[in-house]
Amino acid sequence: MQLHTRTWGEGDRIALLSHGMMSDHRTWRRVAPALVGRGYRVIAVDLRGHGASGRGAYAPELFADDVAETLPTGAELAIGHSLGGLALALAVDRLRPRRAVFSDPAWHLPAPEEGFGPELFAQFKSATREEVRAMNPRWDDLDVDIELQTLALWDETSALGLARSAGQDLLPAAAVVPSLVQLADPSFLIPPERARVLKERGFEVRSVPGAGHTIHRDDFDGFMASLEGWI
């Protein structure tokens, strides 16, 4: 599936952005201009089932195939958040960016017996402004507005397509390209024992103190500072 994309900036130095579940390219509203300011042309996708991209069957491999089919190979940088980090990890051997950043990636999807599963996640489709604000007290009001807009467009059955992966260890076996894993503090997806495994497998791991899962919206300055040396 060819995905809808948004491009900021010009030139041959390319950065790729892949968002998390329930969002679309608008989640990068501050990150993309910041990267343009560092000389990048930024291309962000709407994953299938999100934003202006098509709908269809849903599975991690399909999200990854779409990203690999839509985005250019050999970019200078690729950043994937949450579900976008999972898709990027599964497509990175085809995209072959010079560097990859996985921002609190969905490499362990909690199963229902762990207190959170895809069916529960799908219920966020109907979240109210008050619920979004309560879950994300540090977000700007504009990010709350955008989240409500992206929820309205989101096909919540995309969450159900991850059901067979819930509870599984989805950590990559190795860093295919030089890779940074950027973690929330604490991360409910990558706890300390999994972070240690990632370091053993060749990933650099950095945490952003006090940041929630969507680091770039929760603490933009901390997000950008954590990328120093990688962008």
Protein backbone atom coordinates (compact mmCIF):
# COMPACT_ATOMS: atom_id res chain seq x y z
CA MET A 1 0.00 0.00 0.00
CA GLN A 2 1.33 3.44 -0.93
CA LEU A 3 0.95 5.62 2.14
CA HIS A 4 -0.01 9.27 2.37
CA THR A 5 3.03 11.41 3.18
CA ARG A 6 3.80 14.98 4.25
CA THR A 7 7.08 16.64 3.32
CA TRP A 8 8.81 19.59 4.96
CA GLY A 9 11.91 21.29 3.56
CA GLU A 10 14.06 20.60 0.53
CA GLY A 11 17.33 18.96 -0.43
CA ASP A 12 18.94 15.55 -0.57
CA ARG A 13 19.59 15.06 3.15
CA ILE A 14 16.46 13.11 4.06
CA ALA A 15 14.87 12.23 7.40
CA LEU A 16 11.97 9.77 7.59
CA LEU A 17 9.33 9.84 10.34
CA SER A 18 6.88 7.09 11.28
CA HIS A 19 4.22 7.76 13.93
CA GLY A 20 2.59 5.65 16.62
CA MET A 21 -0.85 4.08 16.92
CA MET A 22 -3.82 6.49 16.75
CA SER A 23 -1.71 9.35 15.34
CA ASP A 24 -0.66 10.49 11.88
CA HIS A 25 2.03 12.77 10.41
CA ARG A 26 0.73 15.70 12.48
CA THR A 27 2.24 14.23 15.63
CA TRP A 28 5.61 15.50 14.27
CA ARG A 29 4.46 19.13 14.01
CA ARG A 30 7.44 20.37 16.10
CA VAL A 31 10.00 17.70 15.25
CA ALA A 32 9.81 18.08 11.47
CA PRO A 33 10.53 21.85 11.40
CA ALA A 34 13.36 21.33 13.92
CA LEU A 35 14.95 18.78 11.59
CA VAL A 36 14.46 21.11 8.61
CA GLY A 37 16.38 23.68 10.64
CA ARG A 38 19.24 21.19 10.80
CA GLY A 39 19.30 20.79 7.04
CA TYR A 40 16.98 17.86 6.44
CA ARG A 41 14.15 17.31 4.01
CA VAL A 42 11.63 15.50 6.19
CA ILE A 43 9.13 12.92 4.93
CA ALA A 44 6.48 11.61 7.34
CA VAL A 45 3.97 8.87 6.61
CA ASP A 46 0.43 8.17 7.72
CA LEU A 47 0.51 4.44 8.48
CA ARG A 48 -2.29 2.30 7.04
CA GLY A 49 -5.50 2.80 9.01
CA HIS A 50 -4.36 6.27 10.06
CA GLY A 51 -4.78 9.77 8.67
CA ALA A 52 -5.25 9.95 4.90
CA SER A 53 -3.76 6.52 4.15
CA GLY A 54 -5.80 3.52 3.06
CA ARG A 55 -7.43 0.87 5.19
CA GLY A 56 -7.09 -2.89 4.90
CA ALA A 57 -5.75 -5.88 6.80
CA TYR A 58 -3.49 -5.09 9.75
CA ALA A 59 -0.36 -6.81 11.03
CA PRO A 60 3.15 -5.66 11.95
CA GLU A 61 4.56 -7.04 8.70
CA LEU A 62 1.97 -5.12 6.65
CA PHE A 63 2.74 -1.82 8.39
CA ALA A 64 6.43 -2.47 7.63
CA ASP A 65 5.82 -3.44 3.99
CA ASP A 66 3.91 -0.19 3.42
CA VAL A 67 6.71 1.89 4.91
CA ALA A 68 9.32 0.10 2.80
CA GLU A 69 7.22 0.54 -0.35
CA THR A 70 6.45 4.22 0.24
CA LEU A 71 9.65 5.76 1.61
CA PRO A 72 12.99 6.23 -0.17
CA THR A 73 15.95 4.01 0.61
CA GLY A 74 19.26 5.31 1.90
CA ALA A 75 17.92 8.26 3.91
CA GLU A 76 20.26 10.02 6.29
CA LEU A 77 17.97 9.38 9.26
CA ALA A 78 14.81 7.45 10.13
CA ILE A 79 12.79 7.90 13.34
CA GLY A 80 9.90 5.66 14.37
CA HIS A 81 7.74 6.11 17.45
CA SER A 82 5.88 3.23 19.14
CA LEU A 83 4.04 1.33 16.36
CA GLY A 84 6.10 3.35 13.90
CA GLY A 85 9.21 2.07 15.65
CA LEU A 86 8.01 -1.52 15.24
CA ALA A 87 7.28 -0.92 11.54
CA LEU A 88 10.66 0.76 11.05
CA ALA A 89 12.50 -2.12 12.72
CA LEU A 90 10.82 -4.61 10.39
CA ALA A 91 11.58 -2.47 7.32
CA VAL A 92 15.03 -1.14 8.20
CA ASP A 93 16.88 -3.83 6.24
CA ARG A 94 15.03 -2.62 3.12
CA LEU A 95 15.11 1.13 3.81
CA ARG A 96 18.77 1.10 4.90
CA PRO A 97 18.94 4.58 6.47
CA ARG A 98 22.37 5.69 7.65
CA ARG A 99 21.01 5.96 11.21
CA ALA A 100 17.80 4.85 12.89
CA VAL A 101 16.11 6.12 16.05
CA PHE A 102 13.43 4.05 17.75
CA SER A 103 11.44 6.24 20.14
CA ASP A 104 9.83 4.11 22.86
CA PRO A 105 9.20 1.40 20.24
CA ALA A 106 6.38 -1.13 20.50
CA TRP A 107 8.69 -4.13 20.76
CA HIS A 108 6.61 -5.69 23.52
CA LEU A 109 2.85 -5.32 23.19
CA PRO A 110 1.18 -6.07 26.54
CA ALA A 111 -1.30 -8.92 26.51
CA PRO A 112 -4.67 -8.76 28.31
CA GLU A 113 -3.28 -10.80 31.21
CA GLU A 114 -0.66 -8.05 31.63
CA GLY A 115 -3.47 -5.56 32.10
CA PHE A 116 -3.56 -4.08 28.61
CA GLY A 117 -4.41 -5.65 25.27
CA PRO A 118 -5.37 -4.64 21.71
CA GLU A 119 -9.10 -4.75 22.45
CA LEU A 120 -8.69 -2.28 25.29
CA PHE A 121 -6.44 -0.12 23.13
CA ALA A 122 -9.12 0.05 20.42
CA GLN A 123 -11.52 1.61 22.93
CA PHE A 124 -9.44 4.79 22.90
CA LYS A 125 -11.18 5.63 19.64
CA SER A 126 -13.93 7.25 21.70
CA ALA A 127 -11.64 9.10 24.14
CA THR A 128 -12.86 12.54 25.20
CA ARG A 129 -10.80 15.70 25.42
CA GLU A 130 -10.78 15.32 29.19
CA GLU A 131 -9.46 11.74 28.92
CA VAL A 132 -6.74 12.70 26.43
CA ARG A 133 -5.70 15.60 28.66
CA ALA A 134 -5.71 13.44 31.79
CA MET A 135 -3.48 10.85 30.10
CA ASN A 136 -1.12 13.51 28.75
CA PRO A 137 -0.97 16.36 31.26
CA ARG A 138 2.24 17.81 29.78
CA TRP A 139 0.99 18.14 26.21
CA ASP A 140 0.32 21.49 24.59
CA ASP A 141 -3.36 22.23 23.95
CA LEU A 142 -2.68 22.02 20.21
CA ASP A 143 -1.42 18.46 20.60
CA VAL A 144 -4.61 17.53 22.43
CA ASP A 145 -6.59 19.06 19.55
CA ILE A 146 -4.56 17.09 17.00
CA GLU A 147 -4.95 13.85 18.94
CA LEU A 148 -8.73 14.21 18.88
CA GLN A 149 -8.61 14.87 15.14
CA THR A 150 -6.40 11.86 14.46
CA LEU A 151 -8.57 9.65 16.65
CA ALA A 152 -11.56 10.62 14.51
CA LEU A 153 -9.73 9.40 11.39
CA TRP A 154 -8.12 6.34 12.96
CA ASP A 155 -9.42 2.86 12.07
CA GLU A 156 -9.43 1.27 15.52
CA THR A 157 -9.43 -2.22 14.05
CA SER A 158 -5.74 -1.58 13.31
CA ALA A 159 -5.14 -2.19 17.01
CA LEU A 160 -6.91 -5.55 16.80
CA GLY A 161 -4.54 -6.52 14.00
CA LEU A 162 -1.75 -6.60 16.58
CA ALA A 163 -3.52 -9.16 18.76
CA ARG A 164 -1.40 -12.13 17.67
CA SER A 165 1.76 -10.19 18.61
CA ALA A 166 0.52 -9.25 22.09
CA GLY A 167 2.71 -10.67 24.84
CA GLN A 168 5.47 -11.65 22.42
CA ASP A 169 9.10 -10.54 22.51
CA LEU A 170 9.50 -8.39 19.40
CA LEU A 171 12.99 -7.06 20.17
CA PRO A 172 15.18 -6.98 17.04
CA ALA A 173 17.92 -9.59 17.00
CA ALA A 174 20.53 -6.98 16.10
CA ALA A 175 20.97 -3.37 15.04
CA VAL A 176 20.90 -3.54 11.23
CA VAL A 177 22.18 0.05 10.97
CA PRO A 178 23.60 2.31 13.73
CA SER A 179 20.59 2.63 16.02
CA LEU A 180 19.45 4.58 19.04
CA VAL A 181 16.60 3.42 21.25
CA GLN A 182 15.07 6.40 23.04
CA LEU A 183 12.98 5.52 26.08
CA ALA A 184 10.29 7.15 28.18
CA ASP A 185 10.95 7.28 31.90
CA PRO A 186 9.71 4.77 32.83
CA SER A 187 8.94 2.89 29.62
CA PHE A 188 6.10 0.37 29.88
CA LEU A 189 7.24 -1.15 26.56
CA ILE A 190 11.00 -1.46 27.18
CA PRO A 191 11.68 -2.08 30.89
CA PRO A 192 15.28 -2.13 32.19
CA GLU A 193 15.86 -5.84 31.56
CA ARG A 194 14.90 -5.45 27.89
CA ALA A 195 17.01 -2.29 27.62
CA ARG A 196 20.01 -4.31 28.76
CA VAL A 197 19.32 -6.91 26.06
CA LEU A 198 19.17 -4.18 23.43
CA LYS A 199 22.55 -2.83 24.52
CA GLU A 200 23.99 -6.33 24.21
CA ARG A 201 22.56 -6.49 20.68
CA GLY A 202 24.33 -3.33 19.57
CA PHE A 203 21.76 -0.60 20.22
CA GLU A 204 22.54 2.60 22.07
CA VAL A 205 19.86 3.22 24.69
CA ARG A 206 18.99 6.62 26.20
CA SER A 207 16.13 7.63 28.49
CA VAL A 208 14.47 11.03 28.62
CA PRO A 209 13.95 11.69 32.36
CA GLY A 210 10.30 12.03 33.34
CA ALA A 211 8.96 11.80 29.79
CA GLY A 212 5.85 9.82 28.92
CA HIS A 213 5.45 7.38 26.04
CA THR A 214 5.06 10.04 23.33
CA ILE A 215 8.34 11.69 24.21
CA HIS A 216 8.33 14.27 21.43
CA ARG A 217 5.01 15.69 22.64
CA ASP A 218 5.60 15.22 26.35
CA ASP A 219 9.04 16.85 26.47
CA PHE A 220 10.06 18.23 23.10
CA ASP A 221 13.28 19.78 24.39
CA GLY A 222 14.24 16.52 26.11
CA PHE A 223 13.41 14.61 22.94
CA MET A 224 15.69 16.79 20.82
CA ALA A 225 18.48 16.77 23.41
CA SER A 226 18.36 12.98 23.49
CA LEU A 227 19.02 12.92 19.73
CA GLU A 228 22.30 14.81 19.94
CA GLY A 229 24.95 12.92 18.02
CA TRP A 230 22.29 11.14 15.98
CA ILE A 231 20.85 14.02 13.98
